PDB file of N, CA and C in Angstrom:
ATOM      1  N   MET A   1     -54.435 -42.151  53.210  1.00  0.00           N
ATOM      2  CA  MET A   1     -54.529 -40.781  52.771  1.00  0.00           C
ATOM      3  C   MET A   1     -54.517 -40.042  54.054  1.00  0.00           C
ATOM      4  N   ALA A   2     -53.673 -38.977  54.061  1.00  0.00           N
ATOM      5  CA  ALA A   2     -53.626 -38.032  55.214  1.00  0.00           C
ATOM      6  C   ALA A   2     -54.893 -37.245  55.511  1.00  0.00           C
ATOM      7  N   GLU A   3     -55.122 -37.026  56.752  1.00  0.00           N
ATOM      8  CA  GLU A   3     -56.284 -36.248  57.166  1.00  0.00           C
ATOM      9  C   GLU A   3     -55.868 -34.794  56.823  1.00  0.00           C
ATOM     10  N   ASN A   4     -56.945 -34.089  56.536  1.00  0.00           N
ATOM     11  CA  ASN A   4     -56.837 -32.529  56.276  1.00  0.00           C
ATOM     12  C   ASN A   4     -56.233 -32.000  57.748  1.00  0.00           C
ATOM     13  N   MET A   5     -55.208 -31.063  57.641  1.00  0.00           N
ATOM     14  CA  MET A   5     -54.785 -30.596  58.835  1.00  0.00           C
ATOM     15  C   MET A   5     -55.326 -29.216  58.819  1.00  0.00           C
ATOM     16  N   TYR A   6     -55.649 -28.663  60.228  1.00  0.00           N
ATOM     17  CA  TYR A   6     -56.270 -27.613  60.423  1.00  0.00           C
ATOM     18  C   TYR A   6     -55.255 -26.538  60.900  1.00  0.00           C
ATOM     19  N   THR A   7     -55.344 -25.236  60.585  1.00  0.00           N
ATOM     20  CA  THR A   7     -54.434 -24.349  60.965  1.00  0.00           C
ATOM     21  C   THR A   7     -55.081 -23.749  62.383  1.00  0.00           C
ATOM     22  N   ILE A   8     -54.499 -23.721  63.362  1.00  0.00           N
ATOM     23  CA  ILE A   8     -54.757 -23.170  64.834  1.00  0.00           C
ATOM     24  C   ILE A   8     -54.358 -21.774  64.884  1.00  0.00           C
ATOM     25  N   THR A   9     -55.427 -20.934  65.317  1.00  0.00           N
ATOM     26  CA  THR A   9     -55.222 -19.475  65.621  1.00  0.00           C
ATOM     27  C   THR A   9     -55.806 -19.340  67.034  1.00  0.00           C
ATOM     28  N   ILE A  10     -55.271 -18.351  67.708  1.00  0.00           N
ATOM     29  CA  ILE A  10     -55.581 -18.117  69.118  1.00  0.00           C
ATOM     30  C   ILE A  10     -55.928 -16.455  69.164  1.00  0.00           C
ATOM     31  N   THR A  11     -57.100 -16.235  69.774  1.00  0.00           N
ATOM     32  CA  THR A  11     -57.278 -14.806  69.938  1.00  0.00           C
ATOM     33  C   THR A  11     -56.339 -14.121  71.027  1.00  0.00           C
ATOM     34  N   VAL A  12     -56.347 -12.970  70.885  1.00  0.00           N
ATOM     35  CA  VAL A  12     -55.394 -12.092  71.975  1.00  0.00           C
ATOM     36  C   VAL A  12     -55.944 -12.403  73.123  1.00  0.00           C
ATOM     37  N   GLN A  13     -57.232 -12.406  73.523  1.00  0.00           N
ATOM     38  CA  GLN A  13     -57.863 -12.577  74.740  1.00  0.00           C
ATOM     39  C   GLN A  13     -57.500 -14.008  75.323  1.00  0.00           C
ATOM     40  N   ALA A  14     -57.562 -15.116  74.529  1.00  0.00           N
ATOM     41  CA  ALA A  14     -57.267 -16.342  74.789  1.00  0.00           C
ATOM     42  C   ALA A  14     -55.773 -16.497  75.153  1.00  0.00           C
ATOM     43  N   GLU A  15     -54.846 -15.815  74.312  1.00  0.00           N
ATOM     44  CA  GLU A  15     -53.455 -15.832  74.775  1.00  0.00           C
ATOM     45  C   GLU A  15     -53.256 -15.094  76.058  1.00  0.00           C
ATOM     46  N   GLN A  16     -53.867 -14.067  76.314  1.00  0.00           N
ATOM     47  CA  GLN A  16     -53.708 -13.452  77.682  1.00  0.00           C
ATOM     48  C   GLN A  16     -54.178 -14.327  78.640  1.00  0.00           C
ATOM     49  N   GLN A  17     -55.312 -14.965  78.734  1.00  0.00           N
ATOM     50  CA  GLN A  17     -55.877 -15.766  79.641  1.00  0.00           C
ATOM     51  C   GLN A  17     -54.924 -16.838  80.048  1.00  0.00           C
ATOM     52  N   LEU A  18     -54.347 -17.487  79.016  1.00  0.00           N
ATOM     53  CA  LEU A  18     -53.317 -18.557  79.128  1.00  0.00           C
ATOM     54  C   LEU A  18     -52.236 -18.106  79.959  1.00  0.00           C
ATOM     55  N   GLN A  19     -51.544 -16.766  79.606  1.00  0.00           N
ATOM     56  CA  GLN A  19     -50.497 -16.295  80.255  1.00  0.00           C
ATOM     57  C   GLN A  19     -50.811 -15.989  81.744  1.00  0.00           C
ATOM     58  N   GLU A  20     -52.083 -15.410  81.968  1.00  0.00           N
ATOM     59  CA  GLU A  20     -52.369 -15.088  83.284  1.00  0.00           C
ATOM     60  C   GLU A  20     -52.481 -16.414  84.135  1.00  0.00           C
ATOM     61  N   ILE A  21     -53.046 -17.466  83.573  1.00  0.00           N
ATOM     62  CA  ILE A  21     -53.135 -18.692  84.447  1.00  0.00           C
ATOM     63  C   ILE A  21     -51.807 -19.177  84.780  1.00  0.00           C
ATOM     64  N   VAL A  22     -50.856 -19.405  83.790  1.00  0.00           N
ATOM     65  CA  VAL A  22     -49.529 -19.791  83.955  1.00  0.00           C
ATOM     66  C   VAL A  22     -48.749 -18.947  85.015  1.00  0.00           C
ATOM     67  N   LYS A  23     -48.834 -17.600  84.866  1.00  0.00           N
ATOM     68  CA  LYS A  23     -48.319 -16.616  85.786  1.00  0.00           C
ATOM     69  C   LYS A  23     -48.775 -16.753  87.123  1.00  0.00           C
ATOM     70  N   TYR A  24     -50.092 -16.854  87.310  1.00  0.00           N
ATOM     71  CA  TYR A  24     -50.844 -17.134  88.615  1.00  0.00           C
ATOM     72  C   TYR A  24     -50.213 -18.364  89.376  1.00  0.00           C
ATOM     73  N   ILE A  25     -50.287 -19.390  88.547  1.00  0.00           N
ATOM     74  CA  ILE A  25     -49.766 -20.779  89.279  1.00  0.00           C
ATOM     75  C   ILE A  25     -48.149 -20.653  89.525  1.00  0.00           C
ATOM     76  N   ALA A  26     -47.317 -20.001  88.617  1.00  0.00           N
ATOM     77  CA  ALA A  26     -45.969 -19.903  88.938  1.00  0.00           C
ATOM     78  C   ALA A  26     -45.735 -18.898  90.131  1.00  0.00           C
ATOM     79  N   SER A  27     -46.279 -17.739  90.081  1.00  0.00           N
ATOM     80  CA  SER A  27     -45.957 -16.767  91.294  1.00  0.00           C
ATOM     81  C   SER A  27     -46.821 -16.832  92.317  1.00  0.00           C
ATOM     82  N   GLU A  28     -48.175 -16.860  92.148  1.00  0.00           N
ATOM     83  CA  GLU A  28     -49.016 -16.931  93.265  1.00  0.00           C
ATOM     84  C   GLU A  28     -49.114 -18.141  94.221  1.00  0.00           C
ATOM     85  N   LEU A  29     -49.075 -19.387  93.386  1.00  0.00           N
ATOM     86  CA  LEU A  29     -48.980 -20.554  94.051  1.00  0.00           C
ATOM     87  C   LEU A  29     -47.674 -21.244  94.202  1.00  0.00           C
ATOM     88  N   LYS A  30     -46.629 -20.359  93.759  1.00  0.00           N
ATOM     89  CA  LYS A  30     -45.278 -20.727  94.018  1.00  0.00           C
ATOM     90  C   LYS A  30     -44.986 -22.116  93.395  1.00  0.00           C
ATOM     91  N   ALA A  31     -45.594 -22.491  92.201  1.00  0.00           N
ATOM     92  CA  ALA A  31     -45.320 -23.831  91.602  1.00  0.00           C
ATOM     93  C   ALA A  31     -44.967 -23.622  89.993  1.00  0.00           C
ATOM     94  N   PRO A  32     -43.722 -22.951  89.844  1.00  0.00           N
ATOM     95  CA  PRO A  32     -43.279 -22.785  88.395  1.00  0.00           C
ATOM     96  C   PRO A  32     -43.350 -24.055  87.686  1.00  0.00           C
ATOM     97  N   LYS A  33     -42.938 -25.171  88.331  1.00  0.00           N
ATOM     98  CA  LYS A  33     -42.836 -26.456  87.388  1.00  0.00           C
ATOM     99  C   LYS A  33     -44.169 -26.997  87.020  1.00  0.00           C
ATOM    100  N   ALA A  34     -45.167 -26.741  88.080  1.00  0.00           N
ATOM    101  CA  ALA A  34     -46.527 -27.154  87.747  1.00  0.00           C
ATOM    102  C   ALA A  34     -47.173 -26.321  86.613  1.00  0.00           C
ATOM    103  N   ALA A  35     -46.739 -24.934  86.680  1.00  0.00           N
ATOM    104  CA  ALA A  35     -47.206 -23.930  85.676  1.00  0.00           C
ATOM    105  C   ALA A  35     -46.604 -24.219  84.235  1.00  0.00           C
ATOM    106  N   LEU A  36     -45.412 -24.827  84.164  1.00  0.00           N
ATOM    107  CA  LEU A  36     -44.749 -25.156  83.044  1.00  0.00           C
ATOM    108  C   LEU A  36     -45.458 -26.453  82.581  1.00  0.00           C
ATOM    109  N   ARG A  37     -45.656 -27.389  83.245  1.00  0.00           N
ATOM    110  CA  ARG A  37     -46.351 -28.551  82.917  1.00  0.00           C
ATOM    111  C   ARG A  37     -47.777 -28.428  82.322  1.00  0.00           C
ATOM    112  N   LEU A  38     -48.534 -27.512  82.978  1.00  0.00           N
ATOM    113  CA  LEU A  38     -49.832 -27.168  82.680  1.00  0.00           C
ATOM    114  C   LEU A  38     -49.764 -26.462  81.216  1.00  0.00           C
ATOM    115  N   LEU A  39     -48.846 -25.549  81.011  1.00  0.00           N
ATOM    116  CA  LEU A  39     -48.723 -24.758  79.738  1.00  0.00           C
ATOM    117  C   LEU A  39     -48.484 -25.878  78.718  1.00  0.00           C
ATOM    118  N   ASN A  40     -47.396 -26.717  78.809  1.00  0.00           N
ATOM    119  CA  ASN A  40     -47.131 -27.820  77.987  1.00  0.00           C
ATOM    120  C   ASN A  40     -48.391 -28.696  77.528  1.00  0.00           C
ATOM    121  N   GLU A  41     -49.105 -29.146  78.462  1.00  0.00           N
ATOM    122  CA  GLU A  41     -50.284 -29.967  78.409  1.00  0.00           C
ATOM    123  C   GLU A  41     -51.299 -29.105  77.593  1.00  0.00           C
ATOM    124  N   MET A  42     -51.592 -27.923  77.925  1.00  0.00           N
ATOM    125  CA  MET A  42     -52.527 -27.114  77.188  1.00  0.00           C
ATOM    126  C   MET A  42     -52.070 -26.923  75.627  1.00  0.00           C
ATOM    127  N   GLU A  43     -50.797 -26.669  75.467  1.00  0.00           N
ATOM    128  CA  GLU A  43     -50.267 -26.422  74.125  1.00  0.00           C
ATOM    129  C   GLU A  43     -50.345 -27.707  73.303  1.00  0.00           C
ATOM    130  N   SER A  44     -50.150 -28.809  73.906  1.00  0.00           N
ATOM    131  CA  SER A  44     -50.260 -30.065  73.244  1.00  0.00           C
ATOM    132  C   SER A  44     -51.760 -30.386  72.946  1.00  0.00           C
ATOM    133  N   SER A  45     -52.659 -30.091  73.773  1.00  0.00           N
ATOM    134  CA  SER A  45     -54.025 -30.348  73.676  1.00  0.00           C
ATOM    135  C   SER A  45     -54.501 -29.381  72.487  1.00  0.00           C
ATOM    136  N   ILE A  46     -54.037 -28.137  72.478  1.00  0.00           N
ATOM    137  CA  ILE A  46     -54.258 -27.266  71.492  1.00  0.00           C
ATOM    138  C   ILE A  46     -53.862 -27.650  70.114  1.00  0.00           C
ATOM    139  N   SER A  47     -52.565 -28.051  70.042  1.00  0.00           N
ATOM    140  CA  SER A  47     -52.034 -28.567  68.819  1.00  0.00           C
ATOM    141  C   SER A  47     -52.778 -29.839  68.289  1.00  0.00           C
ATOM    142  N   SER A  48     -53.344 -30.675  69.068  1.00  0.00           N
ATOM    143  CA  SER A  48     -54.014 -31.745  68.661  1.00  0.00           C
ATOM    144  C   SER A  48     -55.154 -31.611  67.875  1.00  0.00           C
ATOM    145  N   LEU A  49     -55.746 -30.234  67.986  1.00  0.00           N
ATOM    146  CA  LEU A  49     -56.970 -29.969  67.497  1.00  0.00           C
ATOM    147  C   LEU A  49     -56.693 -29.671  65.779  1.00  0.00           C
ATOM    148  N   SER A  50     -55.373 -29.560  65.522  1.00  0.00           N
ATOM    149  CA  SER A  50     -55.045 -29.417  64.136  1.00  0.00           C
ATOM    150  C   SER A  50     -55.463 -30.726  63.297  1.00  0.00           C
ATOM    151  N   GLN A  51     -55.435 -31.765  63.924  1.00  0.00           N
ATOM    152  CA  GLN A  51     -55.740 -33.229  63.396  1.00  0.00           C
ATOM    153  C   GLN A  51     -57.082 -33.576  63.693  1.00  0.00           C
ATOM    154  N   PHE A  52     -57.595 -33.380  65.025  1.00  0.00           N
ATOM    155  CA  PHE A  52     -58.853 -33.734  65.469  1.00  0.00           C
ATOM    156  C   PHE A  52     -59.725 -32.663  66.146  1.00  0.00           C
ATOM    157  N   PRO A  53     -60.030 -31.612  64.977  1.00  0.00           N
ATOM    158  CA  PRO A  53     -60.738 -30.444  65.512  1.00  0.00           C
ATOM    159  C   PRO A  53     -62.298 -30.785  66.199  1.00  0.00           C
ATOM    160  N   ASN A  54     -62.750 -31.945  65.844  1.00  0.00           N
ATOM    161  CA  ASN A  54     -64.112 -32.066  66.434  1.00  0.00           C
ATOM    162  C   ASN A  54     -63.969 -32.815  67.831  1.00  0.00           C
ATOM    163  N   ARG A  55     -62.752 -32.855  68.407  1.00  0.00           N
ATOM    164  CA  ARG A  55     -62.479 -33.524  69.625  1.00  0.00           C
ATOM    165  C   ARG A  55     -63.305 -32.912  70.734  1.00  0.00           C
ATOM    166  N   GLY A  56     -63.258 -31.719  70.771  1.00  0.00           N
ATOM    167  CA  GLY A  56     -64.187 -31.102  71.972  1.00  0.00           C
ATOM    168  C   GLY A  56     -65.557 -31.195  71.780  1.00  0.00           C
ATOM    169  N   THR A  57     -66.474 -30.850  72.838  1.00  0.00           N
ATOM    170  CA  THR A  57     -67.983 -31.070  72.604  1.00  0.00           C
ATOM    171  C   THR A  57     -68.612 -29.658  72.499  1.00  0.00           C
ATOM    172  N   LEU A  58     -69.613 -29.583  71.757  1.00  0.00           N
ATOM    173  CA  LEU A  58     -70.191 -28.321  71.797  1.00  0.00           C
ATOM    174  C   LEU A  58     -70.598 -27.779  73.218  1.00  0.00           C
ATOM    175  N   THR A  59     -70.477 -26.504  73.430  1.00  0.00           N
ATOM    176  CA  THR A  59     -70.732 -26.061  74.724  1.00  0.00           C
ATOM    177  C   THR A  59     -72.423 -25.938  74.829  1.00  0.00           C
ATOM    178  N   GLU A  60     -72.887 -26.240  76.176  1.00  0.00           N
ATOM    179  CA  GLU A  60     -74.213 -26.177  76.350  1.00  0.00           C
ATOM    180  C   GLU A  60     -75.013 -24.887  76.217  1.00  0.00           C
ATOM    181  N   GLU A  61     -74.130 -23.817  76.640  1.00  0.00           N
ATOM    182  CA  GLU A  61     -74.592 -22.644  76.800  1.00  0.00           C
ATOM    183  C   GLU A  61     -74.968 -21.839  75.604  1.00  0.00           C
ATOM    184  N   GLU A  62     -76.139 -21.110  75.561  1.00  0.00           N
ATOM    185  CA  GLU A  62     -76.401 -20.380  74.322  1.00  0.00           C
ATOM    186  C   GLU A  62     -76.046 -18.700  74.672  1.00  0.00           C
ATOM    187  N   PRO A  63     -75.750 -18.092  73.730  1.00  0.00           N
ATOM    188  CA  PRO A  63     -75.759 -18.192  72.146  1.00  0.00           C
ATOM    189  C   PRO A  63     -74.459 -18.966  71.552  1.00  0.00           C
ATOM    190  N   TRP A  64     -73.565 -19.263  72.562  1.00  0.00           N
ATOM    191  CA  TRP A  64     -72.375 -19.871  71.993  1.00  0.00           C
ATOM    192  C   TRP A  64     -72.590 -21.335  71.354  1.00  0.00           C
ATOM    193  N   ARG A  65     -73.447 -22.021  71.837  1.00  0.00           N
ATOM    194  CA  ARG A  65     -73.722 -23.416  71.245  1.00  0.00           C
ATOM    195  C   ARG A  65     -74.111 -23.222  69.928  1.00  0.00           C
ATOM    196  N   SER A  66     -75.025 -22.290  69.471  1.00  0.00           N
ATOM    197  CA  SER A  66     -75.497 -22.075  68.225  1.00  0.00           C
ATOM    198  C   SER A  66     -74.401 -21.343  67.122  1.00  0.00           C
ATOM    199  N   SER A  67     -73.482 -20.820  67.789  1.00  0.00           N
ATOM    200  CA  SER A  67     -72.283 -20.053  67.193  1.00  0.00           C
ATOM    201  C   SER A  67     -71.089 -21.316  66.914  1.00  0.00           C
ATOM    202  N   GLY A  68     -71.500 -22.456  67.379  1.00  0.00           N
ATOM    203  CA  GLY A  68     -70.582 -23.729  67.261  1.00  0.00           C
ATOM    204  C   GLY A  68     -69.317 -23.581  68.037  1.00  0.00           C
ATOM    205  N   ILE A  69     -69.313 -23.037  69.277  1.00  0.00           N
ATOM    206  CA  ILE A  69     -68.342 -22.832  70.039  1.00  0.00           C
ATOM    207  C   ILE A  69     -68.164 -24.118  70.863  1.00  0.00           C
ATOM    208  N   ARG A  70     -66.982 -24.805  70.901  1.00  0.00           N
ATOM    209  CA  ARG A  70     -66.780 -26.146  71.468  1.00  0.00           C
ATOM    210  C   ARG A  70     -66.018 -25.881  72.644  1.00  0.00           C
ATOM    211  N   LYS A  71     -65.822 -26.985  73.474  1.00  0.00           N
ATOM    212  CA  LYS A  71     -64.919 -26.780  74.751  1.00  0.00           C
ATOM    213  C   LYS A  71     -64.077 -28.055  75.074  1.00  0.00           C
ATOM    214  N   MET A  72     -63.010 -27.969  75.403  1.00  0.00           N
ATOM    215  CA  MET A  72     -62.293 -29.134  75.620  1.00  0.00           C
ATOM    216  C   MET A  72     -61.498 -28.954  76.953  1.00  0.00           C
ATOM    217  N   PRO A  73     -61.787 -30.012  77.880  1.00  0.00           N
ATOM    218  CA  PRO A  73     -61.145 -29.749  79.266  1.00  0.00           C
ATOM    219  C   PRO A  73     -59.600 -30.124  79.155  1.00  0.00           C
ATOM    220  N   VAL A  74     -58.905 -29.433  79.993  1.00  0.00           N
ATOM    221  CA  VAL A  74     -57.494 -29.751  80.125  1.00  0.00           C
ATOM    222  C   VAL A  74     -57.142 -29.551  81.524  1.00  0.00           C
ATOM    223  N   LYS A  75     -56.901 -30.540  82.387  1.00  0.00           N
ATOM    224  CA  LYS A  75     -56.936 -30.395  84.008  1.00  0.00           C
ATOM    225  C   LYS A  75     -58.050 -29.721  84.446  1.00  0.00           C
ATOM    226  N   ASN A  76     -57.960 -28.629  85.116  1.00  0.00           N
ATOM    227  CA  ASN A  76     -59.060 -27.810  85.719  1.00  0.00           C
ATOM    228  C   ASN A  76     -59.454 -26.729  84.948  1.00  0.00           C
ATOM    229  N   PHE A  77     -59.119 -26.809  83.666  1.00  0.00           N
ATOM    230  CA  PHE A  77     -59.468 -25.625  82.723  1.00  0.00           C
ATOM    231  C   PHE A  77     -60.284 -26.032  81.569  1.00  0.00           C
ATOM    232  N   LEU A  78     -61.031 -25.144  80.890  1.00  0.00           N
ATOM    233  CA  LEU A  78     -61.618 -25.441  79.704  1.00  0.00           C
ATOM    234  C   LEU A  78     -61.176 -24.608  78.701  1.00  0.00           C
ATOM    235  N   ILE A  79     -60.663 -25.151  77.396  1.00  0.00           N
ATOM    236  CA  ILE A  79     -60.281 -24.531  76.279  1.00  0.00           C
ATOM    237  C   ILE A  79     -61.461 -24.299  75.334  1.00  0.00           C
ATOM    238  N   TYR A  80     -62.037 -22.974  75.002  1.00  0.00           N
ATOM    239  CA  TYR A  80     -63.009 -22.823  74.200  1.00  0.00           C
ATOM    240  C   TYR A  80     -62.511 -22.573  72.710  1.00  0.00           C
ATOM    241  N   PHE A  81     -63.189 -23.147  71.792  1.00  0.00           N
ATOM    242  CA  PHE A  81     -62.798 -22.802  70.355  1.00  0.00           C
ATOM    243  C   PHE A  81     -63.844 -23.079  69.322  1.00  0.00           C
ATOM    244  N   CYS A  82     -63.585 -22.605  68.064  1.00  0.00           N
ATOM    245  CA  CYS A  82     -64.638 -22.771  67.105  1.00  0.00           C
ATOM    246  C   CYS A  82     -63.842 -23.442  65.792  1.00  0.00           C
ATOM    247  N   ILE A  83     -64.655 -24.122  65.049  1.00  0.00           N
ATOM    248  CA  ILE A  83     -64.012 -24.532  63.805  1.00  0.00           C
ATOM    249  C   ILE A  83     -64.396 -23.854  62.696  1.00  0.00           C
ATOM    250  N   ASP A  84     -63.612 -23.519  61.614  1.00  0.00           N
ATOM    251  CA  ASP A  84     -63.963 -22.851  60.424  1.00  0.00           C
ATOM    252  C   ASP A  84     -63.665 -23.954  59.237  1.00  0.00           C
ATOM    253  N   GLU A  85     -64.649 -24.755  58.954  1.00  0.00           N
ATOM    254  CA  GLU A  85     -64.559 -25.876  58.081  1.00  0.00           C
ATOM    255  C   GLU A  85     -64.016 -25.400  56.777  1.00  0.00           C
ATOM    256  N   GLU A  86     -64.583 -24.304  56.210  1.00  0.00           N
ATOM    257  CA  GLU A  86     -64.365 -23.820  54.920  1.00  0.00           C
ATOM    258  C   GLU A  86     -62.889 -23.358  54.678  1.00  0.00           C
ATOM    259  N   ASN A  87     -62.276 -22.757  55.850  1.00  0.00           N
ATOM    260  CA  ASN A  87     -60.772 -22.383  55.830  1.00  0.00           C
ATOM    261  C   ASN A  87     -59.864 -23.353  56.470  1.00  0.00           C
ATOM    262  N   SER A  88     -60.462 -24.421  56.940  1.00  0.00           N
ATOM    263  CA  SER A  88     -59.742 -25.407  57.675  1.00  0.00           C
ATOM    264  C   SER A  88     -58.819 -24.858  58.961  1.00  0.00           C
ATOM    265  N   THR A  89     -59.618 -23.955  59.685  1.00  0.00           N
ATOM    266  CA  THR A  89     -58.953 -23.199  60.873  1.00  0.00           C
ATOM    267  C   THR A  89     -59.733 -23.601  62.094  1.00  0.00           C
ATOM    268  N   VAL A  90     -59.064 -23.756  63.158  1.00  0.00           N
ATOM    269  CA  VAL A  90     -59.529 -23.862  64.543  1.00  0.00           C
ATOM    270  C   VAL A  90     -59.024 -22.486  65.168  1.00  0.00           C
ATOM    271  N   GLN A  91     -60.064 -21.819  65.917  1.00  0.00           N
ATOM    272  CA  GLN A  91     -59.759 -20.634  66.580  1.00  0.00           C
ATOM    273  C   GLN A  91     -60.006 -20.813  67.975  1.00  0.00           C
ATOM    274  N   ILE A  92     -58.887 -20.643  68.729  1.00  0.00           N
ATOM    275  CA  ILE A  92     -59.042 -20.682  70.196  1.00  0.00           C
ATOM    276  C   ILE A  92     -59.607 -19.326  70.749  1.00  0.00           C
ATOM    277  N   THR A  93     -60.794 -19.351  71.422  1.00  0.00           N
ATOM    278  CA  THR A  93     -61.397 -18.053  71.832  1.00  0.00           C
ATOM    279  C   THR A  93     -61.332 -17.768  73.251  1.00  0.00           C
ATOM    280  N   ALA A  94     -60.976 -18.937  74.227  1.00  0.00           N
ATOM    281  CA  ALA A  94     -60.931 -18.550  75.618  1.00  0.00           C
ATOM    282  C   ALA A  94     -60.346 -19.713  76.204  1.00  0.00           C
ATOM    283  N   VAL A  95     -59.653 -19.483  77.346  1.00  0.00           N
ATOM    284  CA  VAL A  95     -59.129 -20.393  78.256  1.00  0.00           C
ATOM    285  C   VAL A  95     -59.593 -20.062  79.558  1.00  0.00           C
ATOM    286  N   ILE A  96     -60.454 -20.873  80.188  1.00  0.00           N
ATOM    287  CA  ILE A  96     -61.011 -20.466  81.538  1.00  0.00           C
ATOM    288  C   ILE A  96     -60.941 -21.567  82.672  1.00  0.00           C
ATOM    289  N   CYS A  97     -60.747 -21.138  83.813  1.00  0.00           N
ATOM    290  CA  CYS A  97     -60.593 -22.198  84.891  1.00  0.00           C
ATOM    291  C   CYS A  97     -61.910 -22.783  85.071  1.00  0.00           C
ATOM    292  N   GLY A  98     -61.903 -24.104  85.048  1.00  0.00           N
ATOM    293  CA  GLY A  98     -63.338 -24.892  85.163  1.00  0.00           C
ATOM    294  C   GLY A  98     -64.049 -24.547  86.422  1.00  0.00           C
ATOM    295  N   LYS A  99     -63.286 -23.967  87.542  1.00  0.00           N
ATOM    296  CA  LYS A  99     -63.958 -23.555  88.758  1.00  0.00           C
ATOM    297  C   LYS A  99     -64.723 -22.169  88.705  1.00  0.00           C
ATOM    298  N   ARG A 100     -64.278 -21.393  87.637  1.00  0.00           N
ATOM    299  CA  ARG A 100     -64.976 -20.106  87.658  1.00  0.00           C
ATOM    300  C   ARG A 100     -66.478 -20.158  86.855  1.00  0.00           C
ATOM    301  N   GLU A 101     -67.090 -19.255  87.128  1.00  0.00           N
ATOM    302  CA  GLU A 101     -68.426 -19.132  86.517  1.00  0.00           C
ATOM    303  C   GLU A 101     -68.435 -19.019  85.194  1.00  0.00           C
ATOM    304  N   GLN A 102     -68.726 -20.128  84.492  1.00  0.00           N
ATOM    305  CA  GLN A 102     -68.386 -20.217  82.970  1.00  0.00           C
ATOM    306  C   GLN A 102     -69.349 -19.100  82.223  1.00  0.00           C
ATOM    307  N   LEU A 103     -70.613 -18.900  82.485  1.00  0.00           N
ATOM    308  CA  LEU A 103     -71.341 -18.079  81.752  1.00  0.00           C
ATOM    309  C   LEU A 103     -70.864 -16.525  81.708  1.00  0.00           C
ATOM    310  N   LYS A 104     -70.453 -16.279  82.961  1.00  0.00           N
ATOM    311  CA  LYS A 104     -69.873 -14.831  83.198  1.00  0.00           C
ATOM    312  C   LYS A 104     -68.694 -14.637  82.344  1.00  0.00           C
ATOM    313  N   GLN A 105     -67.756 -15.730  82.367  1.00  0.00           N
ATOM    314  CA  GLN A 105     -66.523 -15.656  81.587  1.00  0.00           C
ATOM    315  C   GLN A 105     -66.816 -15.751  79.908  1.00  0.00           C
ATOM    316  N   LEU A 106     -67.799 -16.519  79.608  1.00  0.00           N
ATOM    317  CA  LEU A 106     -68.095 -16.689  78.253  1.00  0.00           C
ATOM    318  C   LEU A 106     -68.688 -15.410  77.834  1.00  0.00           C
ATOM    319  N   SER A 107     -69.440 -14.632  78.550  1.00  0.00           N
ATOM    320  CA  SER A 107     -70.013 -13.474  78.088  1.00  0.00           C
ATOM    321  C   SER A 107     -68.978 -12.324  77.770  1.00  0.00           C
ATOM    322  N   LYS A 108     -67.789 -12.501  78.245  1.00  0.00           N
ATOM    323  CA  LYS A 108     -66.724 -11.733  78.266  1.00  0.00           C
ATOM    324  C   LYS A 108     -65.782 -12.104  76.865  1.00  0.00           C
ATOM    325  N   MET A 109     -66.100 -13.286  76.350  1.00  0.00           N
ATOM    326  CA  MET A 109     -65.219 -13.724  75.345  1.00  0.00           C
ATOM    327  C   MET A 109     -65.466 -12.798  74.066  1.00  0.00           C
ATOM    328  N   ASN A 110     -64.295 -12.558  73.385  1.00  0.00           N
ATOM    329  CA  ASN A 110     -64.145 -11.773  72.239  1.00  0.00           C
ATOM    330  C   ASN A 110     -63.926 -12.751  71.319  1.00  0.00           C
ATOM    331  N   MET A 111     -64.642 -12.689  70.083  1.00  0.00           N
ATOM    332  CA  MET A 111     -64.332 -13.747  68.984  1.00  0.00           C
ATOM    333  C   MET A 111     -63.329 -13.209  68.038  1.00  0.00           C
ATOM    334  N   GLU A 112     -62.741 -12.166  68.125  1.00  0.00           N
ATOM    335  CA  GLU A 112     -61.692 -11.559  67.160  1.00  0.00           C
ATOM    336  C   GLU A 112     -60.360 -11.973  67.756  1.00  0.00           C
TER     337      GLU A 112
END
């Protein structure tokens, strides 16, 4: 029997963060191929959540932990997301560089 597939949505903020990361690596670090590889890897990790939404771990930080915010590492980045079991959706809420101050970045996270 096939597993339930989850629909993946991505917030505008998370989409912008992803674009900024790729743009930064491609132009500032002058590594367009690395930027493309990272984008592909992030997209495939995000896609994998449609089958394995519980793949990530709950974030330790409150109040996000209580809200069910999970995180999944991809290279030096963390992809934050939440699962809506009732509607079988996974929403990507943020993509943050692992080296950045996580709490500060999480506090800016928009859930819409």
